[in-house]
PDB file of N, CA and C in Angstrom:
ATOM      1  N   MET A   1      66.610   7.709  74.280  1.00  0.00           N
ATOM      2  CA  MET A   1      66.203   6.705  73.320  1.00  0.00           C
ATOM      3  C   MET A   1      67.438   5.931  72.877  1.00  0.00           C
ATOM      4  N   SER A   2      67.318   4.614  72.808  1.00  0.00           N
ATOM      5  CA  SER A   2      68.455   3.785  72.419  1.00  0.00           C
ATOM      6  C   SER A   2      68.802   3.983  70.941  1.00  0.00           C
ATOM      7  N   ASP A   3      70.032   3.649  70.592  1.00  0.00           N
ATOM      8  CA  ASP A   3      70.486   3.800  69.207  1.00  0.00           C
ATOM      9  C   ASP A   3      69.642   2.968  68.247  1.00  0.00           C
ATOM     10  N   ALA A   4      69.411   1.701  68.577  1.00  0.00           N
ATOM     11  CA  ALA A   4      68.663   0.825  67.682  1.00  0.00           C
ATOM     12  C   ALA A   4      67.230   1.316  67.507  1.00  0.00           C
ATOM     13  N   LEU A   5      66.619   1.765  68.568  1.00  0.00           N
ATOM     14  CA  LEU A   5      65.251   2.260  68.477  1.00  0.00           C
ATOM     15  C   LEU A   5      65.188   3.534  67.632  1.00  0.00           C
ATOM     16  N   ARG A   6      66.144   4.412  67.813  1.00  0.00           N
ATOM     17  CA  ARG A   6      66.187   5.639  67.011  1.00  0.00           C
ATOM     18  C   ARG A   6      66.292   5.315  65.530  1.00  0.00           C
ATOM     19  N   VAL A   7      67.182   4.392  65.164  1.00  0.00           N
ATOM     20  CA  VAL A   7      67.349   3.993  63.762  1.00  0.00           C
ATOM     21  C   VAL A   7      66.066   3.347  63.232  1.00  0.00           C
ATOM     22  N   ALA A   8      65.483   2.444  64.013  1.00  0.00           N
ATOM     23  CA  ALA A   8      64.261   1.760  63.575  1.00  0.00           C
ATOM     24  C   ALA A   8      63.126   2.751  63.352  1.00  0.00           C
ATOM     25  N   LEU A   9      62.973   3.711  64.234  1.00  0.00           N
ATOM     26  CA  LEU A   9      61.900   4.695  64.085  1.00  0.00           C
ATOM     27  C   LEU A   9      62.145   5.646  62.916  1.00  0.00           C
ATOM     28  N   ASN A  10      63.387   6.047  62.712  1.00  0.00           N
ATOM     29  CA  ASN A  10      63.702   6.895  61.554  1.00  0.00           C
ATOM     30  C   ASN A  10      63.443   6.152  60.245  1.00  0.00           C
ATOM     31  N   TYR A  11      63.832   4.886  60.203  1.00  0.00           N
ATOM     32  CA  TYR A  11      63.583   4.033  59.045  1.00  0.00           C
ATOM     33  C   TYR A  11      62.078   3.907  58.795  1.00  0.00           C
ATOM     34  N   TYR A  12      61.320   3.594  59.836  1.00  0.00           N
ATOM     35  CA  TYR A  12      59.865   3.453  59.733  1.00  0.00           C
ATOM     36  C   TYR A  12      59.223   4.755  59.243  1.00  0.00           C
ATOM     37  N   SER A  13      59.629   5.876  59.813  1.00  0.00           N
ATOM     38  CA  SER A  13      59.070   7.173  59.404  1.00  0.00           C
ATOM     39  C   SER A  13      59.344   7.460  57.935  1.00  0.00           C
ATOM     40  N   ALA A  14      60.508   7.086  57.468  1.00  0.00           N
ATOM     41  CA  ALA A  14      60.859   7.341  56.064  1.00  0.00           C
ATOM     42  C   ALA A  14      60.018   6.494  55.109  1.00  0.00           C
ATOM     43  N   TRP A  15      59.974   5.171  55.331  1.00  0.00           N
ATOM     44  CA  TRP A  15      59.239   4.362  54.350  1.00  0.00           C
ATOM     45  C   TRP A  15      57.742   4.558  54.450  1.00  0.00           C
ATOM     46  N   THR A  16      57.210   4.824  55.655  1.00  0.00           N
ATOM     47  CA  THR A  16      55.774   5.085  55.761  1.00  0.00           C
ATOM     48  C   THR A  16      55.427   6.466  55.217  1.00  0.00           C
ATOM     49  N   GLY A  17      56.415   7.318  55.074  1.00  0.00           N
ATOM     50  CA  GLY A  17      56.240   8.620  54.435  1.00  0.00           C
ATOM     51  C   GLY A  17      56.522   8.571  52.944  1.00  0.00           C
ATOM     52  N   HIS A  18      56.618   7.365  52.394  1.00  0.00           N
ATOM     53  CA  HIS A  18      56.835   7.127  50.960  1.00  0.00           C
ATOM     54  C   HIS A  18      58.197   7.631  50.484  1.00  0.00           C
ATOM     55  N   ASP A  19      59.185   7.642  51.360  1.00  0.00           N
ATOM     56  CA  ASP A  19      60.534   8.057  50.976  1.00  0.00           C
ATOM     57  C   ASP A  19      61.478   6.860  51.154  1.00  0.00           C
ATOM     58  N   LEU A  20      61.412   5.956  50.199  1.00  0.00           N
ATOM     59  CA  LEU A  20      62.226   4.743  50.285  1.00  0.00           C
ATOM     60  C   LEU A  20      63.718   5.065  50.183  1.00  0.00           C
ATOM     61  N   ASP A  21      64.073   6.102  49.427  1.00  0.00           N
ATOM     62  CA  ASP A  21      65.488   6.487  49.353  1.00  0.00           C
ATOM     63  C   ASP A  21      66.016   6.856  50.739  1.00  0.00           C
ATOM     64  N   GLN A  22      65.244   7.639  51.480  1.00  0.00           N
ATOM     65  CA  GLN A  22      65.653   8.011  52.844  1.00  0.00           C
ATOM     66  C   GLN A  22      65.682   6.778  53.745  1.00  0.00           C
ATOM     67  N   ALA A  23      64.666   5.916  53.631  1.00  0.00           N
ATOM     68  CA  ALA A  23      64.621   4.698  54.450  1.00  0.00           C
ATOM     69  C   ALA A  23      65.872   3.847  54.220  1.00  0.00           C
ATOM     70  N   MET A  24      66.305   3.761  52.989  1.00  0.00           N
ATOM     71  CA  MET A  24      67.461   2.919  52.670  1.00  0.00           C
ATOM     72  C   MET A  24      68.757   3.454  53.253  1.00  0.00           C
ATOM     73  N   THR A  25      68.791   4.722  53.669  1.00  0.00           N
ATOM     74  CA  THR A  25      70.007   5.239  54.312  1.00  0.00           C
ATOM     75  C   THR A  25      70.210   4.623  55.691  1.00  0.00           C
ATOM     76  N   PHE A  26      69.170   3.969  56.224  1.00  0.00           N
ATOM     77  CA  PHE A  26      69.260   3.296  57.523  1.00  0.00           C
ATOM     78  C   PHE A  26      69.482   1.791  57.375  1.00  0.00           C
ATOM     79  N   VAL A  27      69.669   1.323  56.153  1.00  0.00           N
ATOM     80  CA  VAL A  27      69.807  -0.106  55.851  1.00  0.00           C
ATOM     81  C   VAL A  27      71.232  -0.388  55.408  1.00  0.00           C
ATOM     82  N   ALA A  28      71.860  -1.381  56.010  1.00  0.00           N
ATOM     83  CA  ALA A  28      73.226  -1.771  55.648  1.00  0.00           C
ATOM     84  C   ALA A  28      73.253  -2.410  54.260  1.00  0.00           C
ATOM     85  N   ASP A  29      74.355  -2.232  53.559  1.00  0.00           N
ATOM     86  CA  ASP A  29      74.511  -2.831  52.225  1.00  0.00           C
ATOM     87  C   ASP A  29      74.352  -4.342  52.260  1.00  0.00           C
ATOM     88  N   ASP A  30      74.771  -4.966  53.360  1.00  0.00           N
ATOM     89  CA  ASP A  30      74.731  -6.430  53.465  1.00  0.00           C
ATOM     90  C   ASP A  30      73.587  -6.919  54.365  1.00  0.00           C
ATOM     91  N   ILE A  31      72.492  -6.161  54.414  1.00  0.00           N
ATOM     92  CA  ILE A  31      71.352  -6.540  55.249  1.00  0.00           C
ATOM     93  C   ILE A  31      70.877  -7.955  54.919  1.00  0.00           C
ATOM     94  N   VAL A  32      70.425  -8.638  55.949  1.00  0.00           N
ATOM     95  CA  VAL A  32      69.744  -9.925  55.794  1.00  0.00           C
ATOM     96  C   VAL A  32      68.335  -9.707  56.336  1.00  0.00           C
ATOM     97  N   CYS A  33      67.344 -10.081  55.543  1.00  0.00           N
ATOM     98  CA  CYS A  33      65.954  -9.918  55.942  1.00  0.00           C
ATOM     99  C   CYS A  33      65.258 -11.265  55.868  1.00  0.00           C
ATOM    100  N   ASP A  34      64.677 -11.661  56.962  1.00  0.00           N
ATOM    101  CA  ASP A  34      63.863 -12.878  57.009  1.00  0.00           C
ATOM    102  C   ASP A  34      62.404 -12.437  57.035  1.00  0.00           C
ATOM    103  N   ALA A  35      61.688 -12.779  55.968  1.00  0.00           N
ATOM    104  CA  ALA A  35      60.294 -12.385  55.804  1.00  0.00           C
ATOM    105  C   ALA A  35      59.466 -13.632  55.515  1.00  0.00           C
ATOM    106  N   PRO A  36      58.144 -13.511  55.590  1.00  0.00           N
ATOM    107  CA  PRO A  36      57.308 -14.693  55.308  1.00  0.00           C
ATOM    108  C   PRO A  36      57.581 -15.343  53.948  1.00  0.00           C
ATOM    109  N   ALA A  37      58.018 -14.564  52.976  1.00  0.00           N
ATOM    110  CA  ALA A  37      58.303 -15.122  51.647  1.00  0.00           C
ATOM    111  C   ALA A  37      59.685 -15.776  51.555  1.00  0.00           C
ATOM    112  N   GLY A  38      60.513 -15.601  52.584  1.00  0.00           N
ATOM    113  CA  GLY A  38      61.848 -16.191  52.568  1.00  0.00           C
ATOM    114  C   GLY A  38      62.918 -15.176  52.914  1.00  0.00           C
ATOM    115  N   ARG A  39      64.154 -15.596  52.768  1.00  0.00           N
ATOM    116  CA  ARG A  39      65.300 -14.761  53.130  1.00  0.00           C
ATOM    117  C   ARG A  39      65.737 -13.907  51.947  1.00  0.00           C
ATOM    118  N   LEU A  40      66.029 -12.640  52.267  1.00  0.00           N
ATOM    119  CA  LEU A  40      66.582 -11.699  51.290  1.00  0.00           C
ATOM    120  C   LEU A  40      67.958 -11.288  51.792  1.00  0.00           C
ATOM    121  N   GLU A  41      68.883 -11.130  50.868  1.00  0.00           N
ATOM    122  CA  GLU A  41      70.231 -10.719  51.250  1.00  0.00           C
ATOM    123  C   GLU A  41      70.679  -9.558  50.386  1.00  0.00           C
ATOM    124  N   GLY A  42      71.131  -8.505  51.042  1.00  0.00           N
ATOM    125  CA  GLY A  42      71.652  -7.332  50.353  1.00  0.00           C
ATOM    126  C   GLY A  42      70.625  -6.223  50.201  1.00  0.00           C
ATOM    127  N   ALA A  43      71.150  -4.996  50.133  1.00  0.00           N
ATOM    128  CA  ALA A  43      70.291  -3.817  50.060  1.00  0.00           C
ATOM    129  C   ALA A  43      69.460  -3.780  48.782  1.00  0.00           C
ATOM    130  N   ALA A  44      70.002  -4.231  47.672  1.00  0.00           N
ATOM    131  CA  ALA A  44      69.241  -4.216  46.413  1.00  0.00           C
ATOM    132  C   ALA A  44      68.021  -5.129  46.512  1.00  0.00           C
ATOM    133  N   ALA A  45      68.200  -6.319  47.060  1.00  0.00           N
ATOM    134  CA  ALA A  45      67.077  -7.253  47.219  1.00  0.00           C
ATOM    135  C   ALA A  45      66.067  -6.695  48.216  1.00  0.00           C
ATOM    136  N   TYR A  46      66.539  -6.041  49.243  1.00  0.00           N
ATOM    137  CA  TYR A  46      65.654  -5.464  50.248  1.00  0.00           C
ATOM    138  C   TYR A  46      64.820  -4.341  49.639  1.00  0.00           C
ATOM    139  N   ARG A  47      65.460  -3.480  48.864  1.00  0.00           N
ATOM    140  CA  ARG A  47      64.730  -2.396  48.189  1.00  0.00           C
ATOM    141  C   ARG A  47      63.671  -2.976  47.254  1.00  0.00           C
ATOM    142  N   GLU A  48      64.028  -3.999  46.519  1.00  0.00           N
ATOM    143  CA  GLU A  48      63.080  -4.641  45.598  1.00  0.00           C
ATOM    144  C   GLU A  48      61.876  -5.208  46.364  1.00  0.00           C
ATOM    145  N   PHE A  49      62.123  -5.746  47.539  1.00  0.00           N
ATOM    146  CA  PHE A  49      61.070  -6.280  48.402  1.00  0.00           C
ATOM    147  C   PHE A  49      60.148  -5.166  48.905  1.00  0.00           C
ATOM    148  N   MET A  50      60.719  -4.042  49.295  1.00  0.00           N
ATOM    149  CA  MET A  50      59.939  -2.955  49.893  1.00  0.00           C
ATOM    150  C   MET A  50      59.214  -2.076  48.873  1.00  0.00           C
ATOM    151  N   THR A  51      59.719  -1.965  47.662  1.00  0.00           N
ATOM    152  CA  THR A  51      59.171  -1.040  46.670  1.00  0.00           C
ATOM    153  C   THR A  51      57.686  -1.251  46.383  1.00  0.00           C
ATOM    154  N   PRO A  52      57.229  -2.475  46.086  1.00  0.00           N
ATOM    155  CA  PRO A  52      55.797  -2.629  45.806  1.00  0.00           C
ATOM    156  C   PRO A  52      54.918  -2.274  47.012  1.00  0.00           C
ATOM    157  N   PHE A  53      55.379  -2.629  48.199  1.00  0.00           N
ATOM    158  CA  PHE A  53      54.567  -2.362  49.383  1.00  0.00           C
ATOM    159  C   PHE A  53      54.449  -0.859  49.650  1.00  0.00           C
ATOM    160  N   THR A  54      55.547  -0.146  49.570  1.00  0.00           N
ATOM    161  CA  THR A  54      55.477   1.295  49.812  1.00  0.00           C
ATOM    162  C   THR A  54      54.643   1.977  48.739  1.00  0.00           C
ATOM    163  N   GLY A  55      54.614   1.403  47.543  1.00  0.00           N
ATOM    164  CA  GLY A  55      53.804   1.961  46.469  1.00  0.00           C
ATOM    165  C   GLY A  55      52.310   1.834  46.703  1.00  0.00           C
ATOM    166  N   MET A  56      51.890   0.810  47.441  1.00  0.00           N
ATOM    167  CA  MET A  56      50.456   0.640  47.701  1.00  0.00           C
ATOM    168  C   MET A  56      50.047   1.099  49.100  1.00  0.00           C
ATOM    169  N   LEU A  57      50.999   1.588  49.873  1.00  0.00           N
ATOM    170  CA  LEU A  57      50.708   2.044  51.231  1.00  0.00           C
ATOM    171  C   LEU A  57      49.861   3.311  51.216  1.00  0.00           C
ATOM    172  N   VAL A  58      48.767   3.284  51.967  1.00  0.00           N
ATOM    173  CA  VAL A  58      47.914   4.463  52.130  1.00  0.00           C
ATOM    174  C   VAL A  58      48.287   5.189  53.417  1.00  0.00           C
ATOM    175  N   ARG A  59      48.400   4.429  54.500  1.00  0.00           N
ATOM    176  CA  ARG A  59      48.787   5.024  55.787  1.00  0.00           C
ATOM    177  C   ARG A  59      49.309   3.932  56.697  1.00  0.00           C
ATOM    178  N   ALA A  60      49.986   4.365  57.747  1.00  0.00           N
ATOM    179  CA  ALA A  60      50.495   3.429  58.761  1.00  0.00           C
ATOM    180  C   ALA A  60      50.286   4.038  60.140  1.00  0.00           C
ATOM    181  N   GLU A  61      50.038   3.159  61.096  1.00  0.00           N
ATOM    182  CA  GLU A  61      49.883   3.586  62.484  1.00  0.00           C
ATOM    183  C   GLU A  61      50.855   2.801  63.347  1.00  0.00           C
ATOM    184  N   LEU A  62      51.733   3.508  64.016  1.00  0.00           N
ATOM    185  CA  LEU A  62      52.685   2.875  64.919  1.00  0.00           C
ATOM    186  C   LEU A  62      51.963   2.463  66.188  1.00  0.00           C
ATOM    187  N   LEU A  63      52.025   1.182  66.516  1.00  0.00           N
ATOM    188  CA  LEU A  63      51.350   0.661  67.703  1.00  0.00           C
ATOM    189  C   LEU A  63      52.283   0.540  68.898  1.00  0.00           C
ATOM    190  N   GLY A  64      53.567   0.316  68.638  1.00  0.00           N
ATOM    191  CA  GLY A  64      54.529   0.195  69.721  1.00  0.00           C
ATOM    192  C   GLY A  64      55.939   0.128  69.169  1.00  0.00           C
ATOM    193  N   ALA A  65      56.884   0.567  69.982  1.00  0.00           N
ATOM    194  CA  ALA A  65      58.289   0.528  69.588  1.00  0.00           C
ATOM    195  C   ALA A  65      59.139   0.414  70.846  1.00  0.00           C
ATOM    196  N   TYR A  66      60.055  -0.532  70.815  1.00  0.00           N
ATOM    197  CA  TYR A  66      60.887  -0.818  71.979  1.00  0.00           C
ATOM    198  C   TYR A  66      62.287  -1.163  71.491  1.00  0.00           C
ATOM    199  N   GLY A  67      63.299  -0.863  72.298  1.00  0.00           N
ATOM    200  CA  GLY A  67      64.631  -1.214  71.865  1.00  0.00           C
ATOM    201  C   GLY A  67      65.703  -0.989  72.896  1.00  0.00           C
ATOM    202  N   ASP A  68      66.870  -1.519  72.573  1.00  0.00           N
ATOM    203  CA  ASP A  68      68.065  -1.298  73.371  1.00  0.00           C
ATOM    204  C   ASP A  68      69.156  -0.813  72.421  1.00  0.00           C
ATOM    205  N   ASP A  69      70.407  -0.979  72.785  1.00  0.00           N
ATOM    206  CA  ASP A  69      71.476  -0.448  71.945  1.00  0.00           C
ATOM    207  C   ASP A  69      71.660  -1.190  70.627  1.00  0.00           C
ATOM    208  N   GLU A  70      71.248  -2.446  70.565  1.00  0.00           N
ATOM    209  CA  GLU A  70      71.494  -3.233  69.352  1.00  0.00           C
ATOM    210  C   GLU A  70      70.229  -3.751  68.668  1.00  0.00           C
ATOM    211  N   HIS A  71      69.118  -3.857  69.379  1.00  0.00           N
ATOM    212  CA  HIS A  71      67.889  -4.435  68.811  1.00  0.00           C
ATOM    213  C   HIS A  71      66.700  -3.519  69.056  1.00  0.00           C
ATOM    214  N   ALA A  72      65.755  -3.578  68.128  1.00  0.00           N
ATOM    215  CA  ALA A  72      64.508  -2.831  68.296  1.00  0.00           C
ATOM    216  C   ALA A  72      63.365  -3.627  67.692  1.00  0.00           C
ATOM    217  N   VAL A  73      62.186  -3.392  68.241  1.00  0.00           N
ATOM    218  CA  VAL A  73      60.948  -3.986  67.733  1.00  0.00           C
ATOM    219  C   VAL A  73      59.996  -2.838  67.445  1.00  0.00           C
ATOM    220  N   ILE A  74      59.438  -2.832  66.242  1.00  0.00           N
ATOM    221  CA  ILE A  74      58.384  -1.884  65.936  1.00  0.00           C
ATOM    222  C   ILE A  74      57.165  -2.679  65.483  1.00  0.00           C
ATOM    223  N   VAL A  75      56.021  -2.293  66.009  1.00  0.00           N
ATOM    224  CA  VAL A  75      54.758  -2.958  65.693  1.00  0.00           C
ATOM    225  C   VAL A  75      53.836  -1.892  65.119  1.00  0.00           C
ATOM    226  N   TYR A  76      53.216  -2.201  63.997  1.00  0.00           N
ATOM    227  CA  TYR A  76      52.392  -1.200  63.334  1.00  0.00           C
ATOM    228  C   TYR A  76      51.265  -1.863  62.552  1.00  0.00           C
ATOM    229  N   ASP A  77      50.295  -1.059  62.159  1.00  0.00           N
ATOM    230  CA  ASP A  77      49.221  -1.507  61.291  1.00  0.00           C
ATOM    231  C   ASP A  77      49.272  -0.630  60.046  1.00  0.00           C
ATOM    232  N   THR A  78      49.051  -1.241  58.906  1.00  0.00           N
ATOM    233  CA  THR A  78      49.072  -0.490  57.660  1.00  0.00           C
ATOM    234  C   THR A  78      47.735  -0.610  56.949  1.00  0.00           C
ATOM    235  N   GLU A  79      47.391   0.446  56.262  1.00  0.00           N
ATOM    236  CA  GLU A  79      46.277   0.422  55.314  1.00  0.00           C
ATOM    237  C   GLU A  79      46.902   0.542  53.942  1.00  0.00           C
ATOM    238  N   THR A  80      46.521  -0.359  53.039  1.00  0.00           N
ATOM    239  CA  THR A  80      47.043  -0.321  51.685  1.00  0.00           C
ATOM    240  C   THR A  80      45.886  -0.260  50.691  1.00  0.00           C
ATOM    241  N   LYS A  81      46.216  -0.132  49.429  1.00  0.00           N
ATOM    242  CA  LYS A  81      45.197  -0.134  48.384  1.00  0.00           C
ATOM    243  C   LYS A  81      44.490  -1.484  48.306  1.00  0.00           C
ATOM    244  N   LEU A  82      45.128  -2.543  48.838  1.00  0.00           N
ATOM    245  CA  LEU A  82      44.547  -3.890  48.789  1.00  0.00           C
ATOM    246  C   LEU A  82      43.774  -4.270  50.040  1.00  0.00           C
ATOM    247  N   VAL A  83      44.290  -3.912  51.210  1.00  0.00           N
ATOM    248  CA  VAL A  83      43.653  -4.312  52.467  1.00  0.00           C
ATOM    249  C   VAL A  83      43.556  -3.119  53.415  1.00  0.00           C
ATOM    250  N   ALA A  84      42.478  -3.105  54.190  1.00  0.00           N
ATOM    251  CA  ALA A  84      42.251  -2.006  55.133  1.00  0.00           C
ATOM    252  C   ALA A  84      43.148  -2.102  56.359  1.00  0.00           C
ATOM    253  N   SER A  85      43.558  -3.334  56.710  1.00  0.00           N
ATOM    254  CA  SER A  85      44.391  -3.523  57.890  1.00  0.00           C
ATOM    255  C   SER A  85      45.398  -4.642  57.628  1.00  0.00           C
ATOM    256  N   GLY A  86      46.650  -4.289  57.713  1.00  0.00           N
ATOM    257  CA  GLY A  86      47.734  -5.256  57.555  1.00  0.00           C
ATOM    258  C   GLY A  86      48.735  -5.086  58.680  1.00  0.00           C
ATOM    259  N   PRO A  87      48.421  -5.645  59.866  1.00  0.00           N
ATOM    260  CA  PRO A  87      49.346  -5.491  60.987  1.00  0.00           C
ATOM    261  C   PRO A  87      50.660  -6.232  60.748  1.00  0.00           C
ATOM    262  N   ALA A  88      51.723  -5.657  61.288  1.00  0.00           N
ATOM    263  CA  ALA A  88      53.042  -6.254  61.106  1.00  0.00           C
ATOM    264  C   ALA A  88      53.952  -5.871  62.261  1.00  0.00           C
ATOM    265  N   ALA A  89      55.050  -6.592  62.348  1.00  0.00           N
ATOM    266  CA  ALA A  89      56.096  -6.278  63.318  1.00  0.00           C
ATOM    267  C   ALA A  89      57.439  -6.515  62.658  1.00  0.00           C
ATOM    268  N   GLU A  90      58.414  -5.747  63.078  1.00  0.00           N
ATOM    269  CA  GLU A  90      59.787  -5.940  62.625  1.00  0.00           C
ATOM    270  C   GLU A  90      60.692  -5.969  63.848  1.00  0.00           C
ATOM    271  N   TYR A  91      61.567  -6.948  63.862  1.00  0.00           N
ATOM    272  CA  TYR A  91      62.604  -7.049  64.885  1.00  0.00           C
ATOM    273  C   TYR A  91      63.912  -6.812  64.158  1.00  0.00           C
ATOM    274  N   VAL A  92      64.591  -5.729  64.486  1.00  0.00           N
ATOM    275  CA  VAL A  92      65.797  -5.372  63.749  1.00  0.00           C
ATOM    276  C   VAL A  92      67.029  -5.386  64.643  1.00  0.00           C
ATOM    277  N   THR A  93      68.141  -5.698  64.013  1.00  0.00           N
ATOM    278  CA  THR A  93      69.450  -5.601  64.645  1.00  0.00           C
ATOM    279  C   THR A  93      70.177  -4.440  63.978  1.00  0.00           C
ATOM    280  N   VAL A  94      70.733  -3.552  64.795  1.00  0.00           N
ATOM    281  CA  VAL A  94      71.396  -2.357  64.292  1.00  0.00           C
ATOM    282  C   VAL A  94      72.851  -2.357  64.727  1.00  0.00           C
ATOM    283  N   ARG A  95      73.716  -2.075  63.771  1.00  0.00           N
ATOM    284  CA  ARG A  95      75.150  -1.909  64.063  1.00  0.00           C
ATOM    285  C   ARG A  95      75.655  -0.689  63.305  1.00  0.00           C
ATOM    286  N   ASP A  96      76.404   0.146  63.968  1.00  0.00           N
ATOM    287  CA  ASP A  96      76.974   1.346  63.354  1.00  0.00           C
ATOM    288  C   ASP A  96      75.915   2.196  62.660  1.00  0.00           C
ATOM    289  N   GLY A  97      74.736   2.294  63.259  1.00  0.00           N
ATOM    290  CA  GLY A  97      73.691   3.154  62.740  1.00  0.00           C
ATOM    291  C   GLY A  97      72.912   2.612  61.560  1.00  0.00           C
ATOM    292  N   LYS A  98      73.111   1.332  61.239  1.00  0.00           N
ATOM    293  CA  LYS A  98      72.427   0.725  60.091  1.00  0.00           C
ATOM    294  C   LYS A  98      71.744  -0.573  60.510  1.00  0.00           C
ATOM    295  N   ILE A  99      70.622  -0.861  59.880  1.00  0.00           N
ATOM    296  CA  ILE A  99      69.920  -2.119  60.113  1.00  0.00           C
ATOM    297  C   ILE A  99      70.651  -3.214  59.349  1.00  0.00           C
ATOM    298  N   VAL A 100      71.180  -4.191  60.074  1.00  0.00           N
ATOM    299  CA  VAL A 100      71.927  -5.293  59.451  1.00  0.00           C
ATOM    300  C   VAL A 100      71.084  -6.557  59.340  1.00  0.00           C
ATOM    301  N   HIS A 101      70.046  -6.649  60.145  1.00  0.00           N
ATOM    302  CA  HIS A 101      69.135  -7.800  60.074  1.00  0.00           C
ATOM    303  C   HIS A 101      67.729  -7.334  60.406  1.00  0.00           C
ATOM    304  N   SER A 102      66.776  -7.819  59.633  1.00  0.00           N
ATOM    305  CA  SER A 102      65.372  -7.507  59.890  1.00  0.00           C
ATOM    306  C   SER A 102      64.570  -8.792  59.821  1.00  0.00           C
ATOM    307  N   ARG A 103      63.737  -8.973  60.799  1.00  0.00           N
ATOM    308  CA  ARG A 103      62.809 -10.114  60.840  1.00  0.00           C
ATOM    309  C   ARG A 103      61.406  -9.542  60.730  1.00  0.00           C
ATOM    310  N   PHE A 104      60.791  -9.697  59.553  1.00  0.00           N
ATOM    311  CA  PHE A 104      59.423  -9.222  59.319  1.00  0.00           C
ATOM    312  C   PHE A 104      58.434 -10.287  59.751  1.00  0.00           C
ATOM    313  N   ILE A 105      57.404  -9.859  60.425  1.00  0.00           N
ATOM    314  CA  ILE A 105      56.325 -10.769  60.818  1.00  0.00           C
ATOM    315  C   ILE A 105      55.010 -10.136  60.379  1.00  0.00           C
ATOM    316  N   PHE A 106      54.341 -10.782  59.433  1.00  0.00           N
ATOM    317  CA  PHE A 106      53.036 -10.311  58.987  1.00  0.00           C
ATOM    318  C   PHE A 106      52.296 -11.459  58.315  1.00  0.00           C
ATOM    319  N   ASP A 107      50.995 -11.303  58.208  1.00  0.00           N
ATOM    320  CA  ASP A 107      50.134 -12.321  57.625  1.00  0.00           C
ATOM    321  C   ASP A 107      49.938 -12.010  56.147  1.00  0.00           C
ATOM    322  N   ARG A 108      50.398 -12.882  55.274  1.00  0.00           N
ATOM    323  CA  ARG A 108      50.275 -12.676  53.834  1.00  0.00           C
ATOM    324  C   ARG A 108      48.881 -13.006  53.308  1.00  0.00           C
ATOM    325  N   LEU A 109      48.090 -13.756  54.066  1.00  0.00           N
ATOM    326  CA  LEU A 109      46.801 -14.241  53.584  1.00  0.00           C
ATOM    327  C   LEU A 109      45.854 -13.120  53.141  1.00  0.00           C
ATOM    328  N   PRO A 110      45.645 -12.067  53.918  1.00  0.00           N
ATOM    329  CA  PRO A 110      44.724 -11.013  53.444  1.00  0.00           C
ATOM    330  C   PRO A 110      45.144 -10.411  52.105  1.00  0.00           C
ATOM    331  N   PHE A 111      46.441 -10.267  51.886  1.00  0.00           N
ATOM    332  CA  PHE A 111      46.930  -9.724  50.621  1.00  0.00           C
ATOM    333  C   PHE A 111      46.682 -10.700  49.475  1.00  0.00           C
ATOM    334  N   ALA A 112      46.930 -11.969  49.724  1.00  0.00           N
ATOM    335  CA  ALA A 112      46.681 -13.003  48.700  1.00  0.00           C
ATOM    336  C   ALA A 112      45.197 -13.073  48.358  1.00  0.00           C
ATOM    337  N   GLN A 113      44.344 -12.991  49.354  1.00  0.00           N
ATOM    338  CA  GLN A 113      42.906 -13.025  49.111  1.00  0.00           C
ATOM    339  C   GLN A 113      42.450 -11.809  48.314  1.00  0.00           C
ATOM    340  N   ALA A 114      42.997 -10.647  48.619  1.00  0.00           N
ATOM    341  CA  ALA A 114      42.628  -9.427  47.905  1.00  0.00           C
ATOM    342  C   ALA A 114      43.063  -9.489  46.440  1.00  0.00           C
ATOM    343  N   ARG A 115      44.190 -10.133  46.180  1.00  0.00           N
ATOM    344  CA  ARG A 115      44.683 -10.272  44.805  1.00  0.00           C
ATOM    345  C   ARG A 115      43.942 -11.357  44.035  1.00  0.00           C
ATOM    346  N   GLY A 116      43.387 -12.353  44.782  1.00  0.00           N
ATOM    347  CA  GLY A 116      42.771 -13.529  44.174  1.00  0.00           C
ATOM    348  C   GLY A 116      41.428 -13.240  43.608  1.00  0.00           C
TER     349      GLY A 116
END
């Protein structure tokens, strides 16, 4: 298993297991995250972004995971307290065992409709 894929899967297992502290051990202090809501910079902003979602997560199903030494893609579906299905993908860049860049891809509309 490639280094980036190993880190991405360990990170995914931690946050989907409701252990955000463990998940953050795989995130670089200077992470840059590009998400549908915009760009986040730094581990504190990233944690703030992830906290509400992990709090409403009921379960997650890993659909696919691929990677090489520096990049990995994980594709999954989540069930939350708001929506029964929230598919997403993350494309991450890993350096020195930490995620330095994450590109989140997911549809915000079902969540907005559930809140509306």
